[in-house]
Amino acid sequence: MNDRHPVRARHPLLARHSVLALATVTIAACAQSPDDPNALTDAERAEGWRLLFDGSTLDGWRGYGSGDAPAGWVVEDGTLTLAGGGGDLVTEEQFSDFELSLEWNIEEGGNSGVFYRAIEGLDWIYQGAPEMQILDDANHADGQAEITSAGSNFGLHAVPRGVLRPAGEWNESRVVVRGDHVEHWLNGVQVVEYELGSDDWARRVANSKFSAWPEYGRAARGHIGLQDHGNRVWFRAIKIRPLE
């Protein structure tokens, strides 16, 4: 993170496990073209999915608080890659309720994140936007605690162990935001669930560093963001399905 972001199939440590959801995720993954992860299937288009990354350009993306994409973000072998410094990357478009799906790969010891409902006008994106953590748990200090490990709602909601794939392998993540209800999924397993603005949410925020920023987690609409934490990270198959 920062200090300078259907049907159900849950981890056994989480309630209401559903075999059907695992099957659904598996079928969806198999339906995607193995030759081009940055393409949509006919079924995905019919369901309302849209690509946020076309596999060859940075169209639709720019820097946080900037009109241009940071120089460190490049397209490399069909991936959206942080190859050098430059700042956080955000979508030009804003979203309210949505299902976001993407694949990511992090270097050994690496740290990054995915932000949602990000607003601008703040010093840093994480002062307003909640973050799904991206991390090499095995080789980064944040991986020692479930509340800051990969897939967590960084610093607020912990994840179970045994779901993450190691650095150098592709992980699949989803963030589902519907009103105040948020879910984080990792490799087909729901690992986090919370309600924005709930009493539990307010208590957790009040006991965290986020209490210093009154805008944190309050926006009903905002940008999707990818974090520059100084480590090399690769993204592909970035797609979104608005849930209006």
Protein backbone atom coordinates (compact mmCIF):
# COMPACT_ATOMS: atom_id res chain seq x y z
CA MET A 1 0.00 0.00 0.00
CA ASN A 2 0.93 3.57 0.43
CA ASP A 3 2.54 5.81 2.86
CA ARG A 4 4.62 8.28 0.99
CA HIS A 5 -4.59 1.66 -2.55
CA PRO A 6 -23.69 -13.62 -9.29
CA VAL A 7 -23.08 -16.21 -7.08
CA ARG A 8 -20.70 -16.68 -4.24
CA ALA A 9 -17.61 -18.82 -3.68
CA ARG A 10 -15.88 -18.05 -0.43
CA HIS A 11 -12.80 -19.29 1.36
CA PRO A 12 -13.61 -21.98 3.95
CA LEU A 13 -12.89 -19.45 6.69
CA LEU A 14 -15.72 -17.27 5.36
CA ALA A 15 -19.39 -18.19 5.63
CA ARG A 16 -21.84 -19.35 2.96
CA HIS A 17 -19.42 -21.18 0.67
CA SER A 18 -20.87 -21.89 -2.77
CA VAL A 19 -19.56 -24.47 -5.23
CA LEU A 20 -21.68 -22.89 -7.94
CA ALA A 21 -19.72 -19.64 -7.80
CA LEU A 22 -16.42 -21.45 -8.25
CA ALA A 23 -17.84 -23.17 -11.29
CA THR A 24 -19.06 -19.85 -12.66
CA VAL A 25 -15.63 -18.23 -12.25
CA THR A 26 -13.93 -21.23 -13.85
CA ILE A 27 -16.28 -21.21 -16.84
CA ALA A 28 -15.77 -17.47 -17.32
CA ALA A 29 -12.00 -17.87 -17.22
CA CYS A 30 -12.08 -20.70 -19.73
CA ALA A 31 -14.32 -18.69 -22.04
CA GLN A 32 -11.75 -15.94 -22.33
CA SER A 33 -9.44 -16.21 -25.30
CA PRO A 34 -6.18 -17.84 -24.16
CA ASP A 35 -4.34 -16.06 -26.98
CA ASP A 36 -5.50 -12.56 -26.06
CA PRO A 37 -6.40 -11.90 -22.43
CA ASN A 38 -7.20 -8.31 -23.41
CA ALA A 39 -10.20 -9.31 -25.51
CA LEU A 40 -13.83 -9.83 -24.58
CA THR A 41 -15.88 -12.86 -25.47
CA ASP A 42 -19.30 -12.51 -27.03
CA ALA A 43 -20.83 -13.64 -23.75
CA GLU A 44 -18.95 -10.96 -21.81
CA ARG A 45 -20.09 -8.26 -24.20
CA ALA A 46 -23.67 -9.44 -23.83
CA GLU A 47 -23.29 -9.21 -20.04
CA GLY A 48 -22.15 -5.58 -20.31
CA TRP A 49 -18.40 -5.97 -19.81
CA ARG A 50 -16.06 -3.33 -21.25
CA LEU A 51 -12.30 -3.30 -21.61
CA LEU A 52 -10.35 -0.71 -19.64
CA PHE A 53 -7.07 -1.74 -21.31
CA ASP A 54 -6.87 -2.65 -24.99
CA GLY A 55 -3.52 -4.44 -24.74
CA SER A 56 -1.61 -2.01 -26.92
CA THR A 57 -2.16 1.60 -25.75
CA LEU A 58 -2.76 3.67 -22.62
CA ASP A 59 -5.96 5.06 -24.09
CA GLY A 60 -8.44 5.82 -21.31
CA TRP A 61 -5.76 6.23 -18.62
CA ARG A 62 -3.88 9.22 -17.19
CA GLY A 63 -1.95 10.18 -14.09
CA TYR A 64 -3.66 10.95 -10.81
CA GLY A 65 -4.13 14.72 -10.78
CA SER A 66 -2.61 14.97 -14.25
CA GLY A 67 -3.82 15.11 -17.83
CA ASP A 68 -1.09 12.79 -19.07
CA ALA A 69 -0.06 9.23 -18.30
CA PRO A 70 3.09 9.01 -16.12
CA ALA A 71 6.19 8.05 -18.10
CA GLY A 72 6.81 4.99 -15.93
CA TRP A 73 3.63 3.25 -17.12
CA VAL A 74 4.14 1.43 -20.42
CA VAL A 75 2.55 -1.25 -22.56
CA GLU A 76 4.81 -4.29 -22.68
CA ASP A 77 3.91 -7.61 -24.34
CA GLY A 78 0.20 -7.00 -23.96
CA THR A 79 0.44 -5.90 -20.34
CA LEU A 80 -0.01 -2.54 -18.64
CA THR A 81 3.28 -2.34 -16.79
CA LEU A 82 4.86 -0.08 -14.21
CA ALA A 83 8.43 -0.08 -15.47
CA GLY A 84 9.59 3.06 -13.65
CA GLY A 85 8.44 5.84 -11.35
CA GLY A 86 5.92 8.47 -12.25
CA GLY A 87 2.88 8.26 -10.02
CA ASP A 88 -0.44 6.50 -9.74
CA LEU A 89 -2.49 5.77 -12.87
CA VAL A 90 -6.26 6.35 -13.05
CA THR A 91 -9.01 5.81 -15.57
CA GLU A 92 -10.26 8.91 -17.34
CA GLU A 93 -13.79 7.68 -16.73
CA GLN A 94 -15.46 7.52 -13.33
CA PHE A 95 -17.63 4.70 -12.01
CA SER A 96 -20.15 4.31 -9.21
CA ASP A 97 -21.41 0.71 -8.97
CA PHE A 98 -19.42 -1.87 -10.92
CA GLU A 99 -17.68 -5.21 -11.13
CA LEU A 100 -13.98 -4.83 -11.94
CA SER A 101 -11.93 -7.81 -13.08
CA LEU A 102 -8.20 -7.93 -13.78
CA GLU A 103 -5.12 -10.11 -13.70
CA TRP A 104 -1.88 -8.99 -12.07
CA ASN A 105 1.68 -10.18 -11.58
CA ILE A 106 4.12 -8.59 -9.12
CA GLU A 107 7.90 -8.76 -8.89
CA GLU A 108 9.52 -10.48 -5.91
CA GLY A 109 9.04 -8.34 -2.82
CA GLY A 110 6.73 -6.03 -4.76
CA ASN A 111 3.82 -3.88 -3.59
CA SER A 112 1.01 -2.19 -5.52
CA GLY A 113 -2.74 -1.78 -5.31
CA VAL A 114 -6.05 -1.12 -7.02
CA PHE A 115 -8.10 1.89 -5.90
CA TYR A 116 -11.76 2.52 -6.56
CA ARG A 117 -14.04 5.58 -6.41
CA ALA A 118 -10.90 7.70 -6.37
CA ILE A 119 -11.42 11.45 -6.23
CA GLU A 120 -8.91 14.10 -7.17
CA GLY A 121 -7.92 17.32 -5.46
CA LEU A 122 -6.12 15.46 -2.65
CA ASP A 123 -2.37 15.16 -2.15
CA TRP A 124 -2.46 11.40 -2.63
CA ILE A 125 -5.02 9.01 -4.11
CA TYR A 126 -5.15 6.86 -0.96
CA GLN A 127 -6.43 9.78 1.10
CA GLY A 128 -9.82 9.31 -0.51
CA ALA A 129 -9.97 5.91 -2.22
CA PRO A 130 -10.13 2.47 -0.57
CA GLU A 131 -7.53 0.02 -1.89
CA MET A 132 -7.42 -3.64 -2.73
CA GLN A 133 -3.85 -4.61 -1.87
CA ILE A 134 -1.51 -6.18 -4.43
CA LEU A 135 1.55 -7.74 -2.86
CA ASP A 136 4.14 -10.48 -2.82
CA ASP A 137 3.12 -11.67 0.64
CA ALA A 138 6.07 -14.02 1.04
CA ASN A 139 8.76 -11.39 0.50
CA HIS A 140 7.25 -8.11 1.70
CA ALA A 141 6.80 -6.96 5.30
CA ASP A 142 3.12 -6.16 4.71
CA GLY A 143 2.55 -9.83 3.98
CA GLN A 144 3.18 -10.69 7.62
CA ALA A 145 -0.28 -9.39 8.59
CA GLU A 146 -3.52 -10.50 6.94
CA ILE A 147 -4.88 -6.95 7.15
CA THR A 148 -2.19 -5.68 4.76
CA SER A 149 -1.72 -8.82 2.63
CA ALA A 150 -2.72 -9.28 -1.00
CA GLY A 151 -6.45 -8.98 -1.54
CA SER A 152 -7.10 -7.08 1.69
CA ASN A 153 -8.93 -3.80 2.00
CA PHE A 154 -5.63 -2.28 2.98
CA GLY A 155 -5.29 -1.65 6.68
CA LEU A 156 -8.97 -2.31 7.43
CA HIS A 157 -10.17 -5.79 6.40
CA ALA A 158 -7.99 -8.90 6.56
CA VAL A 159 -7.83 -11.83 4.14
CA PRO A 160 -7.50 -15.58 4.71
CA ARG A 161 -4.29 -17.37 3.79
CA GLY A 162 -3.78 -19.95 1.09
CA VAL A 163 -5.44 -18.14 -1.83
CA LEU A 164 -2.61 -16.03 -3.25
CA ARG A 165 -0.28 -17.29 -5.98
CA PRO A 166 3.41 -16.39 -5.54
CA ALA A 167 5.34 -13.59 -7.23
CA GLY A 168 5.98 -14.40 -10.88
CA GLU A 169 2.57 -16.06 -11.32
CA TRP A 170 -0.62 -14.38 -12.49
CA ASN A 171 -3.33 -13.70 -9.94
CA GLU A 172 -6.94 -12.91 -10.80
CA SER A 173 -8.77 -10.25 -8.80
CA ARG A 174 -12.25 -8.79 -8.77
CA VAL A 175 -13.71 -5.84 -6.92
CA VAL A 176 -17.50 -5.64 -6.78
CA VAL A 177 -19.03 -2.36 -5.59
CA ARG A 178 -22.80 -2.09 -5.37
CA GLY A 179 -23.99 0.89 -3.35
CA ASP A 180 -22.19 0.64 -0.03
CA HIS A 181 -21.53 -3.09 -0.37
CA VAL A 182 -18.00 -4.09 -1.45
CA GLU A 183 -16.45 -7.48 -2.17
CA HIS A 184 -12.84 -8.42 -2.94
CA TRP A 185 -12.22 -11.66 -4.81
CA LEU A 186 -8.85 -13.35 -5.33
CA ASN A 187 -8.36 -16.29 -7.69
CA GLY A 188 -12.05 -17.13 -7.67
CA VAL A 189 -12.47 -16.87 -3.90
CA GLN A 190 -14.24 -14.07 -2.05
CA VAL A 191 -11.72 -12.94 0.57
CA VAL A 192 -13.17 -9.64 1.83
CA GLU A 193 -16.64 -8.16 2.29
CA TYR A 194 -17.65 -4.88 3.92
CA GLU A 195 -20.20 -2.06 3.98
CA LEU A 196 -18.98 1.47 3.38
CA GLY A 197 -20.27 3.88 5.99
CA SER A 198 -21.46 1.16 8.37
CA ASP A 199 -20.77 1.31 12.11
CA ASP A 200 -18.13 -1.39 11.64
CA TRP A 201 -16.52 0.58 8.81
CA ALA A 202 -16.50 3.79 10.85
CA ARG A 203 -14.91 2.01 13.82
CA ARG A 204 -12.16 0.51 11.67
CA VAL A 205 -11.40 3.81 9.94
CA ALA A 206 -11.34 5.67 13.25
CA ASN A 207 -8.71 3.23 14.55
CA SER A 208 -6.53 3.53 11.44
CA LYS A 209 -4.34 6.15 9.79
CA PHE A 210 -7.24 6.87 7.42
CA SER A 211 -8.97 8.77 10.23
CA ALA A 212 -6.73 11.72 9.33
CA TRP A 213 -8.46 12.15 5.96
CA PRO A 214 -12.16 13.14 6.10
CA GLU A 215 -12.76 12.28 2.42
CA TYR A 216 -11.61 8.68 2.81
CA GLY A 217 -14.14 6.15 1.50
CA ARG A 218 -16.96 8.67 1.19
CA ALA A 219 -17.19 9.21 -2.57
CA ALA A 220 -20.15 7.58 -4.33
CA ARG A 221 -18.38 7.78 -7.67
CA GLY A 222 -14.78 8.03 -8.85
CA HIS A 223 -11.87 6.70 -10.86
CA ILE A 224 -10.27 3.26 -10.88
CA GLY A 225 -6.61 3.62 -9.92
CA LEU A 226 -3.44 1.52 -10.20
CA GLN A 227 -0.74 2.26 -7.67
CA ASP A 228 2.85 3.22 -8.26
CA HIS A 229 4.57 1.92 -5.14
CA GLY A 230 7.99 1.82 -6.79
CA ASN A 231 7.87 -1.87 -7.71
CA ARG A 232 7.47 -3.52 -11.07
CA VAL A 233 3.94 -4.81 -11.60
CA TRP A 234 2.05 -6.09 -14.62
CA PHE A 235 -1.69 -5.89 -15.35
CA ARG A 236 -3.80 -7.43 -18.10
CA ALA A 237 -7.40 -8.46 -18.82
CA ILE A 238 -8.61 -5.25 -17.14
CA LYS A 239 -12.35 -5.03 -17.68
CA ILE A 240 -15.36 -3.53 -15.98
CA ARG A 241 -19.09 -4.13 -15.91
CA PRO A 242 -21.09 -1.13 -14.69
CA LEU A 243 -23.89 -2.11 -12.31
CA GLU A 244 -26.33 0.75 -12.76
